[in-house]
Amino acid sequence: MNSSLNILNIALIGALLVMAVTVQARETYLQDVPKHGDLSLISAAD
């Protein structure tokens, strides 16, 4: 029982870390876009 809970906790923490990194990278990318003026990559990413 405990081991499965630990695995779930690790999976949740990993997912949160991935989400945080993705959001951070996307925010910095969106801040850089106005310089390049390339909007096609954003719509393709969504």
PDB file of N, CA and C in Angstrom:
ATOM      1  N   MET A   1       0.836  -1.205   0.000  1.00  0.00           N
ATOM      2  CA  MET A   1       0.000   0.000   0.000  1.00  0.00           C
ATOM      3  C   MET A   1       0.867   1.250   0.000  1.00  0.00           C
ATOM      4  N   ASN A   2       1.869   1.263   0.873  1.00  0.00           N
ATOM      5  CA  ASN A   2       2.725   2.448   0.948  1.00  0.00           C
ATOM      6  C   ASN A   2       3.512   2.654  -0.338  1.00  0.00           C
ATOM      7  N   SER A   3       4.019   1.581  -0.924  1.00  0.00           N
ATOM      8  CA  SER A   3       4.853   1.718  -2.118  1.00  0.00           C
ATOM      9  C   SER A   3       4.038   2.298  -3.273  1.00  0.00           C
ATOM     10  N   SER A   4       2.774   1.878  -3.399  1.00  0.00           N
ATOM     11  CA  SER A   4       1.956   2.403  -4.492  1.00  0.00           C
ATOM     12  C   SER A   4       1.674   3.878  -4.261  1.00  0.00           C
ATOM     13  N   LEU A   5       1.502   4.282  -3.007  1.00  0.00           N
ATOM     14  CA  LEU A   5       1.277   5.699  -2.717  1.00  0.00           C
ATOM     15  C   LEU A   5       2.523   6.508  -3.067  1.00  0.00           C
ATOM     16  N   ASN A   6       3.701   5.954  -2.747  1.00  0.00           N
ATOM     17  CA  ASN A   6       4.943   6.652  -3.089  1.00  0.00           C
ATOM     18  C   ASN A   6       5.072   6.818  -4.591  1.00  0.00           C
ATOM     19  N   ILE A   7       4.735   5.782  -5.341  1.00  0.00           N
ATOM     20  CA  ILE A   7       4.821   5.863  -6.804  1.00  0.00           C
ATOM     21  C   ILE A   7       3.865   6.937  -7.315  1.00  0.00           C
ATOM     22  N   LEU A   8       2.655   6.994  -6.743  1.00  0.00           N
ATOM     23  CA  LEU A   8       1.693   8.017  -7.163  1.00  0.00           C
ATOM     24  C   LEU A   8       2.212   9.403  -6.838  1.00  0.00           C
ATOM     25  N   ASN A   9       2.793   9.571  -5.660  1.00  0.00           N
ATOM     26  CA  ASN A   9       3.338  10.876  -5.285  1.00  0.00           C
ATOM     27  C   ASN A   9       4.459  11.289  -6.227  1.00  0.00           C
ATOM     28  N   ILE A  10       5.347  10.360  -6.542  1.00  0.00           N
ATOM     29  CA  ILE A  10       6.460  10.674  -7.444  1.00  0.00           C
ATOM     30  C   ILE A  10       5.921  11.048  -8.825  1.00  0.00           C
ATOM     31  N   ALA A  11       4.909  10.312  -9.292  1.00  0.00           N
ATOM     32  CA  ALA A  11       4.325  10.611 -10.603  1.00  0.00           C
ATOM     33  C   ALA A  11       3.679  11.987 -10.600  1.00  0.00           C
ATOM     34  N   LEU A  12       2.969  12.317  -9.512  1.00  0.00           N
ATOM     35  CA  LEU A  12       2.317  13.629  -9.423  1.00  0.00           C
ATOM     36  C   LEU A  12       3.352  14.738  -9.402  1.00  0.00           C
ATOM     37  N   ILE A  13       4.391  14.577  -8.592  1.00  0.00           N
ATOM     38  CA  ILE A  13       5.438  15.602  -8.508  1.00  0.00           C
ATOM     39  C   ILE A  13       6.129  15.752  -9.856  1.00  0.00           C
ATOM     40  N   GLY A  14       6.397  14.644 -10.517  1.00  0.00           N
ATOM     41  CA  GLY A  14       7.027  14.702 -11.831  1.00  0.00           C
ATOM     42  C   GLY A  14       6.152  15.437 -12.827  1.00  0.00           C
ATOM     43  N   ALA A  15       4.846  15.143 -12.803  1.00  0.00           N
ATOM     44  CA  ALA A  15       3.931  15.814 -13.731  1.00  0.00           C
ATOM     45  C   ALA A  15       3.889  17.313 -13.443  1.00  0.00           C
ATOM     46  N   LEU A  16       3.863  17.676 -12.166  1.00  0.00           N
ATOM     47  CA  LEU A  16       3.846  19.105 -11.808  1.00  0.00           C
ATOM     48  C   LEU A  16       5.120  19.790 -12.266  1.00  0.00           C
ATOM     49  N   LEU A  17       6.258  19.117 -12.091  1.00  0.00           N
ATOM     50  CA  LEU A  17       7.525  19.708 -12.537  1.00  0.00           C
ATOM     51  C   LEU A  17       7.529  19.905 -14.046  1.00  0.00           C
ATOM     52  N   VAL A  18       7.068  18.894 -14.776  1.00  0.00           N
ATOM     53  CA  VAL A  18       7.034  19.008 -16.238  1.00  0.00           C
ATOM     54  C   VAL A  18       6.123  20.154 -16.658  1.00  0.00           C
ATOM     55  N   MET A  19       4.953  20.257 -16.008  1.00  0.00           N
ATOM     56  CA  MET A  19       4.028  21.338 -16.341  1.00  0.00           C
ATOM     57  C   MET A  19       4.646  22.694 -16.048  1.00  0.00           C
ATOM     58  N   ALA A  20       5.311  22.819 -14.889  1.00  0.00           N
ATOM     59  CA  ALA A  20       5.920  24.096 -14.527  1.00  0.00           C
ATOM     60  C   ALA A  20       7.003  24.478 -15.521  1.00  0.00           C
ATOM     61  N   VAL A  21       7.829  23.506 -15.903  1.00  0.00           N
ATOM     62  CA  VAL A  21       8.901  23.785 -16.867  1.00  0.00           C
ATOM     63  C   VAL A  21       8.305  24.169 -18.218  1.00  0.00           C
ATOM     64  N   THR A  22       7.253  23.469 -18.631  1.00  0.00           N
ATOM     65  CA  THR A  22       6.628  23.763 -19.923  1.00  0.00           C
ATOM     66  C   THR A  22       6.042  25.168 -19.925  1.00  0.00           C
ATOM     67  N   VAL A  23       5.330  25.515 -18.858  1.00  0.00           N
ATOM     68  CA  VAL A  23       4.732  26.854 -18.775  1.00  0.00           C
ATOM     69  C   VAL A  23       5.823  27.913 -18.787  1.00  0.00           C
ATOM     70  N   GLN A  24       6.900  27.673 -18.035  1.00  0.00           N
ATOM     71  CA  GLN A  24       8.000  28.644 -17.973  1.00  0.00           C
ATOM     72  C   GLN A  24       8.629  28.812 -19.352  1.00  0.00           C
ATOM     73  N   ALA A  25       8.899  27.705 -20.025  1.00  0.00           N
ATOM     74  CA  ALA A  25       9.514  27.779 -21.356  1.00  0.00           C
ATOM     75  C   ALA A  25       8.579  28.485 -22.326  1.00  0.00           C
ATOM     76  N   ARG A  26       7.297  28.205 -22.228  1.00  0.00           N
ATOM     77  CA  ARG A  26       6.337  28.820 -23.137  1.00  0.00           C
ATOM     78  C   ARG A  26       6.245  30.324 -22.877  1.00  0.00           C
ATOM     79  N   GLU A  27       6.266  30.731 -21.610  1.00  0.00           N
ATOM     80  CA  GLU A  27       6.199  32.159 -21.304  1.00  0.00           C
ATOM     81  C   GLU A  27       7.417  32.885 -21.861  1.00  0.00           C
ATOM     82  N   THR A  28       8.592  32.329 -21.660  1.00  0.00           N
ATOM     83  CA  THR A  28       9.795  32.987 -22.173  1.00  0.00           C
ATOM     84  C   THR A  28       9.763  33.003 -23.696  1.00  0.00           C
ATOM     85  N   TYR A  29       9.238  31.915 -24.306  1.00  0.00           N
ATOM     86  CA  TYR A  29       9.153  31.875 -25.767  1.00  0.00           C
ATOM     87  C   TYR A  29       8.181  32.951 -26.263  1.00  0.00           C
ATOM     88  N   LEU A  30       7.033  33.073 -25.580  1.00  0.00           N
ATOM     89  CA  LEU A  30       6.042  34.069 -26.002  1.00  0.00           C
ATOM     90  C   LEU A  30       6.593  35.477 -25.831  1.00  0.00           C
ATOM     91  N   GLN A  31       7.464  35.702 -24.849  1.00  0.00           N
ATOM     92  CA  GLN A  31       8.070  37.018 -24.669  1.00  0.00           C
ATOM     93  C   GLN A  31       9.055  37.308 -25.792  1.00  0.00           C
ATOM     94  N   ASP A  32       9.672  36.263 -26.341  1.00  0.00           N
ATOM     95  CA  ASP A  32      10.650  36.459 -27.410  1.00  0.00           C
ATOM     96  C   ASP A  32       9.993  36.634 -28.769  1.00  0.00           C
ATOM     97  N   VAL A  33       8.770  36.157 -28.926  1.00  0.00           N
ATOM     98  CA  VAL A  33       8.135  36.138 -30.244  1.00  0.00           C
ATOM     99  C   VAL A  33       7.971  37.535 -30.855  1.00  0.00           C
ATOM    100  N   PRO A  34       7.500  38.545 -30.089  1.00  0.00           N
ATOM    101  CA  PRO A  34       7.311  39.856 -30.730  1.00  0.00           C
ATOM    102  C   PRO A  34       8.572  40.369 -31.424  1.00  0.00           C
ATOM    103  N   LYS A  35       9.746  39.968 -30.934  1.00  0.00           N
ATOM    104  CA  LYS A  35      10.983  40.385 -31.598  1.00  0.00           C
ATOM    105  C   LYS A  35      11.079  39.754 -32.990  1.00  0.00           C
ATOM    106  N   HIS A  36      10.693  38.474 -33.074  1.00  0.00           N
ATOM    107  CA  HIS A  36      10.833  37.765 -34.337  1.00  0.00           C
ATOM    108  C   HIS A  36       9.594  37.959 -35.213  1.00  0.00           C
ATOM    109  N   GLY A  37       8.444  38.182 -34.573  1.00  0.00           N
ATOM    110  CA  GLY A  37       7.213  38.357 -35.329  1.00  0.00           C
ATOM    111  C   GLY A  37       6.737  37.081 -35.992  1.00  0.00           C
ATOM    112  N   ASP A  38       7.104  35.924 -35.433  1.00  0.00           N
ATOM    113  CA  ASP A  38       6.712  34.653 -36.029  1.00  0.00           C
ATOM    114  C   ASP A  38       5.555  34.058 -35.228  1.00  0.00           C
ATOM    115  N   LEU A  39       4.344  34.154 -35.751  1.00  0.00           N
ATOM    116  CA  LEU A  39       3.179  33.659 -35.024  1.00  0.00           C
ATOM    117  C   LEU A  39       2.785  32.256 -35.468  1.00  0.00           C
ATOM    118  N   SER A  40       3.336  31.775 -36.571  1.00  0.00           N
ATOM    119  CA  SER A  40       2.918  30.473 -37.102  1.00  0.00           C
ATOM    120  C   SER A  40       3.310  29.345 -36.140  1.00  0.00           C
ATOM    121  N   LEU A  41       4.442  29.497 -35.434  1.00  0.00           N
ATOM    122  CA  LEU A  41       4.892  28.431 -34.546  1.00  0.00           C
ATOM    123  C   LEU A  41       3.962  28.290 -33.348  1.00  0.00           C
ATOM    124  N   ILE A  42       3.408  29.413 -32.872  1.00  0.00           N
ATOM    125  CA  ILE A  42       2.525  29.344 -31.708  1.00  0.00           C
ATOM    126  C   ILE A  42       1.252  28.581 -32.066  1.00  0.00           C
ATOM    127  N   SER A  43       0.624  28.940 -33.184  1.00  0.00           N
ATOM    128  CA  SER A  43      -0.611  28.262 -33.571  1.00  0.00           C
ATOM    129  C   SER A  43      -0.348  26.789 -33.853  1.00  0.00           C
ATOM    130  N   ALA A  44       0.834  26.470 -34.370  1.00  0.00           N
ATOM    131  CA  ALA A  44       1.171  25.078 -34.631  1.00  0.00           C
ATOM    132  C   ALA A  44       1.351  24.318 -33.313  1.00  0.00           C
ATOM    133  N   ALA A  45       1.892  24.999 -32.289  1.00  0.00           N
ATOM    134  CA  ALA A  45       2.111  24.353 -30.996  1.00  0.00           C
ATOM    135  C   ALA A  45       0.781  24.051 -30.318  1.00  0.00           C
ATOM    136  N   ASP A  46      -0.189  24.904 -30.504  1.00  0.00           N
ATOM    137  CA  ASP A  46      -1.498  24.663 -29.897  1.00  0.00           C
ATOM    138  C   ASP A  46      -2.232  23.603 -30.713  1.00  0.00           C
TER     139      ASP A  46
END
